[in-house]
Amino acid sequence: MNKNGLTKITERINIKTIGILLFATLMILTFFSKTIYNHNLPVVVATTPLNGTLEKTETVKGIAEWADTVEVYADTGGYVEEIFAEEGDAVKKGQALARLSLTDEKRSANREKEFELEQLEADIRNAEEDCSKLKTLYQEGAIAEKEYREKERNLQSLYTKREKLRLNYQDTLDSSSLMIYAPEDSILSEISIDKGQKVGDGELIAVCGLSLQYEINCSVSLDNNFVMEGDFCALENTSHSLDGIVTEVTPGEEGKMVSVLIQSEDVKAGETFDVKFEKESSESFILVPNGALNMDSDGYFLYQVKQRKGMLGKEFFVEKMNVYIGDNDAKNTVISDGITFFEPIVLISDKEIKEGDIVILDNEGDFFAE
């Protein structure tokens, strides 16, 4: 082979080598360009709307109190000499709860009434003797009937006065008048007196719970629209787990007051419970996660993820989709209008996005096949 032939072969090899190098360089530049380009794009995680039901729930605190109680008062004031029962005791009807002794004022008043009663008894005895004598004289015809009848009426008047005085008289020797008794079979839920304390007429002595039913009053949020009378709820603390029934829902300024009735032999008044209200909607809706919803001056909207061919291959971008919303629970919101077909929507984005932005779809395989 001559010299010119070798030169031509060498030139062809160099051109081929240069071509390969240029292609490799182009591929490397394309790779790095795409890598740099993608590095600046928002990364999003998508989800799809679904058909489902709302599951509303709210948990609050409440304290168990007796649903039915009776209050025990002192008929007569005095000093508390002895207390026979403790809070939480089961007591029988007529069982002694406490004993009082009369105050000095009451003793003095009773002594005055006792003296008045003694004087009246003496007047009655004298009147009876006089009436008996007049009756004999009247029967013998010595006096007129009118005189005898008038004396008899006076005696009857003294009898009436004595009965009234006896009713108002507090006999210091009759200890039963100073005893406090349980009015019904019950649980002693509160004792309002201490030994040695002075109590007045009509002062509260104790409160008794009449049954094994307890009432729990608790406050739920004002926007809670699912708790209703007749609903069941779950109650729990470290010692008990039981169900209750909602008996009343009353709106207030800062929340709704809910009354719950429970029945238990083990619960005690004053126990604190976690009260959980929950309810599932009776019909299905189009739902989206609460975190997927956005809002601007035009209202609520979602970012829909779409795919297209770009300069560097396939790419994903977002489109704004205006929607109308309905009810919601802790996880999802009802879409009442705006969604006609289920395509992926943005749930999470690591950067702020807007209409038309190109994004990286982190969970691409969940929606778009290769």
Protein backbone atom coordinates (compact mmCIF):
# COMPACT_ATOMS: atom_id res chain seq x y z
CA MET A 1 0.00 0.00 0.00
CA ASN A 2 1.36 3.41 -0.95
CA LYS A 3 1.72 6.42 1.21
CA ASN A 4 -1.48 8.14 -0.04
CA GLY A 5 -3.60 5.12 0.85
CA LEU A 6 -2.33 5.08 4.42
CA THR A 7 -3.09 8.78 4.76
CA LYS A 8 -6.70 8.32 3.67
CA ILE A 9 -7.27 5.44 6.11
CA THR A 10 -5.83 7.53 8.94
CA GLU A 11 -8.12 10.45 8.09
CA ARG A 12 -11.21 8.22 8.11
CA ILE A 13 -10.29 6.82 11.54
CA ASN A 14 -9.77 10.32 12.94
CA ILE A 15 -13.13 11.52 11.60
CA LYS A 16 -14.90 8.50 13.13
CA THR A 17 -13.15 9.05 16.45
CA ILE A 18 -14.07 12.70 16.45
CA GLY A 19 -17.69 11.80 15.70
CA ILE A 20 -17.81 9.35 18.57
CA LEU A 21 -16.28 11.90 20.89
CA LEU A 22 -18.74 14.55 19.80
CA PHE A 23 -21.71 12.21 20.31
CA ALA A 24 -20.44 11.17 23.71
CA THR A 25 -19.93 14.79 24.65
CA LEU A 26 -23.45 15.64 23.51
CA MET A 27 -24.92 12.79 25.57
CA ILE A 28 -22.98 13.85 28.63
CA LEU A 29 -24.07 17.46 28.22
CA THR A 30 -27.68 16.36 27.74
CA PHE A 31 -27.55 14.20 30.88
CA PHE A 32 -26.05 16.94 33.01
CA SER A 33 -28.38 19.55 31.54
CA LYS A 34 -31.40 17.39 32.43
CA THR A 35 -29.97 16.68 35.86
CA ILE A 36 -29.37 20.38 36.53
CA TYR A 37 -32.79 21.22 35.08
CA ASN A 38 -34.57 18.62 37.21
CA HIS A 39 -32.68 19.67 40.32
CA ASN A 40 -34.51 23.00 40.31
CA LEU A 41 -37.98 21.57 39.71
CA PRO A 42 -40.55 21.09 42.50
CA VAL A 43 -40.95 17.49 43.64
CA VAL A 44 -44.57 16.53 44.23
CA VAL A 45 -46.41 13.52 45.58
CA ALA A 46 -49.78 12.90 43.95
CA THR A 47 -52.95 11.10 44.90
CA THR A 48 -56.34 10.56 43.28
CA PRO A 49 -59.81 11.54 44.44
CA LEU A 50 -61.89 8.64 45.71
CA ASN A 51 -65.46 7.65 46.38
CA GLY A 52 -66.01 7.16 50.09
CA THR A 53 -67.75 8.19 53.29
CA LEU A 54 -66.83 10.80 55.86
CA GLU A 55 -65.79 9.51 59.28
CA LYS A 56 -66.22 12.32 61.77
CA THR A 57 -64.72 12.08 65.22
CA GLU A 58 -64.04 14.35 68.21
CA THR A 59 -62.63 13.42 71.62
CA VAL A 60 -63.11 15.63 74.67
CA LYS A 61 -62.81 15.41 78.47
CA GLY A 62 -65.72 15.05 80.88
CA ILE A 63 -66.34 14.40 84.59
CA ALA A 64 -68.90 11.88 85.85
CA GLU A 65 -71.52 13.27 88.22
CA TRP A 66 -74.65 11.71 89.69
CA ALA A 67 -77.56 11.86 87.27
CA ASP A 68 -80.12 11.91 90.12
CA THR A 69 -79.42 13.26 93.60
CA VAL A 70 -81.28 14.29 96.74
CA GLU A 71 -80.05 16.98 99.12
CA VAL A 72 -80.31 16.54 102.88
CA TYR A 73 -80.86 19.63 105.05
CA ALA A 74 -80.90 20.29 108.80
CA ASP A 75 -84.40 20.96 110.06
CA THR A 76 -82.94 22.45 113.22
CA GLY A 77 -79.63 24.25 113.54
CA GLY A 78 -76.95 23.13 115.96
CA TYR A 79 -73.40 21.92 116.41
CA VAL A 80 -72.21 18.81 114.59
CA GLU A 81 -71.46 16.30 117.36
CA GLU A 82 -70.80 13.23 115.21
CA ILE A 83 -70.74 12.13 111.56
CA PHE A 84 -71.61 8.46 111.01
CA ALA A 85 -70.80 7.98 107.29
CA GLU A 86 -68.18 8.95 104.72
CA GLU A 87 -68.42 10.13 101.15
CA GLY A 88 -68.81 7.16 98.82
CA ASP A 89 -70.59 4.99 101.43
CA ALA A 90 -73.71 3.09 100.44
CA VAL A 91 -76.44 4.04 102.93
CA LYS A 92 -79.94 2.68 103.58
CA LYS A 93 -83.11 4.72 103.96
CA GLY A 94 -83.36 5.93 107.56
CA GLN A 95 -79.68 5.31 108.31
CA ALA A 96 -78.17 7.96 110.59
CA LEU A 97 -75.76 10.29 108.80
CA ALA A 98 -74.98 12.79 111.58
CA ARG A 99 -76.03 14.03 115.02
CA LEU A 100 -76.37 17.65 116.06
CA SER A 101 -76.55 19.28 119.46
CA LEU A 102 -78.60 22.40 120.06
CA THR A 103 -76.91 25.78 120.07
CA ASP A 104 -77.05 27.97 123.16
CA GLU A 105 -79.62 30.15 121.45
CA LYS A 106 -81.83 27.15 120.70
CA ARG A 107 -81.45 25.85 124.25
CA SER A 108 -82.45 29.24 125.67
CA ALA A 109 -85.44 29.44 123.33
CA ASN A 110 -86.49 25.93 124.28
CA ARG A 111 -86.25 26.72 127.97
CA GLU A 112 -88.56 29.69 127.43
CA LYS A 113 -91.01 27.50 125.53
CA GLU A 114 -90.72 24.80 128.19
CA PHE A 115 -91.58 27.36 130.90
CA GLU A 116 -94.48 28.68 128.82
CA LEU A 117 -95.76 25.15 128.35
CA GLU A 118 -95.50 24.43 132.09
CA GLN A 119 -97.49 27.60 132.85
CA LEU A 120 -100.11 26.60 130.30
CA GLU A 121 -100.39 23.12 131.82
CA ALA A 122 -101.03 24.74 135.21
CA ASP A 123 -103.71 26.99 133.68
CA ILE A 124 -105.35 23.96 132.10
CA ARG A 125 -105.43 22.04 135.37
CA ASN A 126 -107.06 25.00 137.13
CA ALA A 127 -109.54 25.43 134.28
CA GLU A 128 -110.42 21.72 134.38
CA GLU A 129 -111.14 21.91 138.12
CA ASP A 130 -113.32 24.99 137.67
CA CYS A 131 -115.16 23.40 134.74
CA SER A 132 -115.78 20.24 136.75
CA LYS A 133 -117.26 22.26 139.66
CA LEU A 134 -119.47 24.33 137.35
CA LYS A 135 -120.72 21.18 135.65
CA THR A 136 -121.88 19.84 139.03
CA LEU A 137 -123.59 23.13 139.86
CA TYR A 138 -125.24 23.22 136.43
CA GLN A 139 -126.55 19.68 136.86
CA GLU A 140 -127.96 20.63 140.27
CA GLY A 141 -129.63 23.70 138.71
CA ALA A 142 -127.57 26.12 140.76
CA ILE A 143 -126.18 28.01 137.74
CA ALA A 144 -127.36 28.77 134.23
CA GLU A 145 -126.21 26.61 131.29
CA LYS A 146 -124.63 29.64 129.61
CA GLU A 147 -122.14 30.13 132.44
CA TYR A 148 -121.06 26.48 132.31
CA ARG A 149 -120.77 26.41 128.51
CA GLU A 150 -118.60 29.52 128.48
CA LYS A 151 -116.16 27.95 130.95
CA GLU A 152 -116.09 24.79 128.81
CA ARG A 153 -115.23 26.82 125.70
CA ASN A 154 -112.38 28.52 127.54
CA LEU A 155 -110.97 25.13 128.49
CA GLN A 156 -111.11 23.93 124.89
CA SER A 157 -109.26 27.08 123.83
CA LEU A 158 -106.47 26.26 126.30
CA TYR A 159 -106.23 22.72 124.86
CA THR A 160 -105.78 24.14 121.33
CA LYS A 161 -103.12 26.56 122.52
CA ARG A 162 -101.21 23.72 124.17
CA GLU A 163 -101.19 21.63 120.98
CA LYS A 164 -99.80 24.53 118.96
CA LEU A 165 -97.12 25.18 121.56
CA ARG A 166 -96.14 21.52 121.60
CA LEU A 167 -95.78 21.51 117.80
CA ASN A 168 -93.37 24.43 117.95
CA TYR A 169 -91.49 23.15 120.93
CA GLN A 170 -88.05 21.54 120.40
CA ASP A 171 -87.68 19.00 123.18
CA THR A 172 -83.99 18.96 124.15
CA LEU A 173 -84.43 15.49 125.66
CA ASP A 174 -85.67 14.03 122.38
CA SER A 175 -82.38 13.26 120.59
CA SER A 176 -84.18 11.99 117.45
CA SER A 177 -85.13 15.56 116.58
CA LEU A 178 -81.39 16.34 116.16
CA MET A 179 -80.46 13.28 114.07
CA ILE A 180 -79.90 13.51 110.31
CA TYR A 181 -81.06 10.46 108.34
CA ALA A 182 -80.60 9.18 104.77
CA PRO A 183 -83.86 9.83 102.86
CA GLU A 184 -83.42 6.87 100.45
CA ASP A 185 -81.20 3.91 99.67
CA SER A 186 -78.32 5.77 98.02
CA ILE A 187 -74.61 6.55 97.79
CA LEU A 188 -73.34 9.40 99.94
CA SER A 189 -71.71 11.57 97.29
CA GLU A 190 -71.04 14.68 99.38
CA ILE A 191 -70.84 15.64 103.06
CA SER A 192 -71.04 19.39 103.54
CA ILE A 193 -70.33 19.54 107.28
CA ASP A 194 -67.40 18.92 109.64
CA LYS A 195 -67.41 17.77 113.22
CA GLY A 196 -67.80 20.70 115.61
CA GLN A 197 -69.21 22.95 112.90
CA LYS A 198 -72.21 25.15 113.68
CA VAL A 199 -75.02 24.76 111.14
CA GLY A 200 -78.13 26.84 110.78
CA ASP A 201 -81.76 25.91 110.24
CA GLY A 202 -82.21 24.55 106.73
CA GLU A 203 -78.47 24.33 106.00
CA LEU A 204 -77.21 21.68 103.56
CA ILE A 205 -75.84 18.59 105.33
CA ALA A 206 -75.22 16.06 102.55
CA VAL A 207 -75.96 15.08 98.95
CA CYS A 208 -76.94 11.50 98.08
CA GLY A 209 -76.81 9.83 94.67
CA LEU A 210 -79.99 7.84 94.13
CA SER A 211 -79.00 5.38 91.38
CA LEU A 212 -76.10 3.88 89.44
CA GLN A 213 -76.61 6.37 86.62
CA TYR A 214 -74.09 9.14 86.04
CA GLU A 215 -74.15 12.20 83.83
CA ILE A 216 -71.11 13.58 82.03
CA ASN A 217 -71.27 17.12 80.70
CA CYS A 218 -68.61 18.00 78.14
CA SER A 219 -68.03 20.67 75.50
CA VAL A 220 -67.49 19.97 71.79
CA SER A 221 -66.52 22.48 69.10
CA LEU A 222 -69.14 24.81 67.65
CA ASP A 223 -68.62 23.39 64.15
CA ASN A 224 -69.39 19.88 65.35
CA ASN A 225 -72.55 19.11 63.39
CA PHE A 226 -72.73 15.36 63.82
CA VAL A 227 -73.33 14.75 67.55
CA MET A 228 -77.06 14.38 68.19
CA GLU A 229 -79.39 13.24 70.96
CA GLY A 230 -79.62 9.46 71.04
CA ASP A 231 -76.09 8.89 69.70
CA PHE A 232 -73.81 6.41 71.44
CA CYS A 233 -70.27 7.39 72.40
CA ALA A 234 -67.23 5.67 73.89
CA LEU A 235 -65.87 6.63 77.32
CA GLU A 236 -62.50 5.58 78.68
CA ASN A 237 -60.04 6.26 81.47
CA THR A 238 -57.32 4.21 83.12
CA SER A 239 -59.88 2.17 85.10
CA HIS A 240 -62.97 1.88 82.91
CA SER A 241 -64.08 1.52 79.30
CA LEU A 242 -67.80 1.79 78.60
CA ASP A 243 -70.46 3.28 76.33
CA GLY A 244 -72.75 6.20 76.98
CA ILE A 245 -75.75 7.77 75.28
CA VAL A 246 -76.15 11.45 74.37
CA THR A 247 -79.19 12.90 76.14
CA GLU A 248 -78.87 16.59 75.26
CA VAL A 249 -76.91 18.92 72.95
CA THR A 250 -77.03 22.62 73.84
CA PRO A 251 -75.26 25.33 71.75
CA GLY A 252 -73.23 27.93 73.64
CA GLU A 253 -71.01 30.91 72.85
CA GLU A 254 -67.72 28.99 72.86
CA GLY A 255 -68.91 25.46 72.10
CA LYS A 256 -71.75 22.96 72.31
CA MET A 257 -72.50 21.40 75.68
CA VAL A 258 -73.22 17.68 75.39
CA SER A 259 -74.80 15.64 78.20
CA VAL A 260 -73.98 11.92 78.25
CA LEU A 261 -75.72 9.32 80.44
CA ILE A 262 -73.86 6.21 81.62
CA GLN A 263 -74.77 3.38 83.99
CA SER A 264 -72.17 1.48 85.99
CA GLU A 265 -71.67 -0.15 89.37
CA ASP A 266 -67.95 0.60 89.32
CA VAL A 267 -67.76 4.25 88.30
CA LYS A 268 -67.51 6.88 91.02
CA ALA A 269 -68.66 10.48 90.90
CA GLY A 270 -65.78 12.81 90.08
CA GLU A 271 -63.97 10.45 87.70
CA THR A 272 -62.61 12.03 84.50
CA PHE A 273 -63.19 10.33 81.14
CA ASP A 274 -62.06 10.73 77.54
CA VAL A 275 -65.35 10.93 75.64
CA LYS A 276 -65.10 9.98 71.96
CA PHE A 277 -67.88 10.91 69.53
CA GLU A 278 -67.72 9.40 66.05
CA LYS A 279 -70.09 8.91 63.13
CA GLU A 280 -69.80 7.70 59.53
CA SER A 281 -71.83 9.42 56.80
CA SER A 282 -74.74 7.40 55.45
CA GLU A 283 -73.87 8.12 51.78
CA SER A 284 -70.73 8.17 49.62
CA PHE A 285 -69.08 11.29 48.19
CA ILE A 286 -66.18 12.29 45.97
CA LEU A 287 -63.42 12.92 48.50
CA VAL A 288 -59.95 14.47 48.36
CA PRO A 289 -57.43 14.69 51.20
CA ASN A 290 -57.67 17.96 53.11
CA GLY A 291 -53.99 18.66 52.36
CA ALA A 292 -54.64 18.66 48.59
CA LEU A 293 -57.00 21.64 48.77
CA ASN A 294 -55.75 25.15 47.98
CA MET A 295 -57.53 28.47 48.17
CA ASP A 296 -57.18 31.87 46.49
CA SER A 297 -59.45 34.84 45.84
CA ASP A 298 -61.51 32.76 43.39
CA GLY A 299 -62.19 30.00 45.90
CA TYR A 300 -60.96 26.45 46.34
CA PHE A 301 -58.87 24.59 43.74
CA LEU A 302 -56.71 21.52 43.17
CA TYR A 303 -53.53 21.08 41.14
CA GLN A 304 -54.01 18.33 38.58
CA VAL A 305 -50.87 16.49 37.38
CA LYS A 306 -50.59 15.95 33.60
CA GLN A 307 -47.96 14.44 31.30
CA ARG A 308 -46.54 15.67 27.97
CA LYS A 309 -43.44 15.47 25.74
CA GLY A 310 -40.86 18.13 26.50
CA MET A 311 -37.51 19.17 25.04
CA LEU A 312 -35.68 16.66 27.21
CA GLY A 313 -38.28 13.88 27.01
CA LYS A 314 -41.50 13.31 28.90
CA GLU A 315 -42.33 15.79 31.62
CA PHE A 316 -45.07 16.44 34.16
CA PHE A 317 -46.83 19.74 34.75
CA VAL A 318 -49.73 21.01 36.86
CA GLU A 319 -53.02 22.61 35.91
CA LYS A 320 -55.30 24.49 38.25
CA MET A 321 -58.75 22.91 38.69
CA ASN A 322 -61.40 24.99 40.49
CA VAL A 323 -63.74 22.99 42.72
CA TYR A 324 -66.65 23.47 45.10
CA ILE A 325 -66.43 21.79 48.48
CA GLY A 326 -68.95 20.37 50.93
CA ASP A 327 -68.59 18.79 54.35
CA ASN A 328 -65.34 17.38 55.72
CA ASP A 329 -63.83 15.24 58.44
CA ALA A 330 -60.34 15.10 59.94
CA LYS A 331 -58.85 13.55 56.77
CA ASN A 332 -60.99 14.30 53.72
CA THR A 333 -63.22 16.96 52.15
CA VAL A 334 -66.26 16.41 49.96
CA ILE A 335 -65.95 17.81 46.40
CA SER A 336 -69.48 18.75 45.38
CA ASP A 337 -68.55 20.06 41.91
CA GLY A 338 -65.48 20.44 39.69
CA ILE A 339 -64.23 16.84 39.32
CA THR A 340 -65.58 14.85 36.35
CA PHE A 341 -62.87 12.18 36.10
CA PHE A 342 -60.27 10.87 38.50
CA GLU A 343 -56.74 11.94 37.55
CA PRO A 344 -53.79 12.48 39.89
CA ILE A 345 -53.79 15.64 41.97
CA VAL A 346 -50.96 17.18 43.97
CA LEU A 347 -51.01 16.18 47.61
CA ILE A 348 -47.56 17.40 48.74
CA SER A 349 -44.95 19.65 47.10
CA ASP A 350 -41.50 20.49 48.40
CA LYS A 351 -41.71 23.94 46.78
CA GLU A 352 -44.39 26.46 46.03
CA ILE A 353 -46.07 25.73 42.70
CA LYS A 354 -48.38 27.60 40.35
CA GLU A 355 -50.46 27.02 37.23
CA GLY A 356 -48.40 25.46 34.41
CA ASP A 357 -45.30 24.66 36.47
CA ILE A 358 -43.23 21.64 35.40
CA VAL A 359 -42.77 19.25 38.32
CA ILE A 360 -41.10 15.97 39.19
CA LEU A 361 -43.69 13.35 40.14
CA ASP A 362 -42.15 11.38 42.97
CA ASN A 363 -44.66 8.51 42.78
CA GLU A 364 -44.93 8.43 38.97
CA GLY A 365 -45.29 4.66 38.90
CA ASP A 366 -48.62 4.86 40.77
CA PHE A 367 -50.28 6.64 37.84
CA PHE A 368 -48.27 6.48 34.60
CA ALA A 369 -47.04 3.21 33.10
CA GLU A 370 -43.63 3.14 31.40
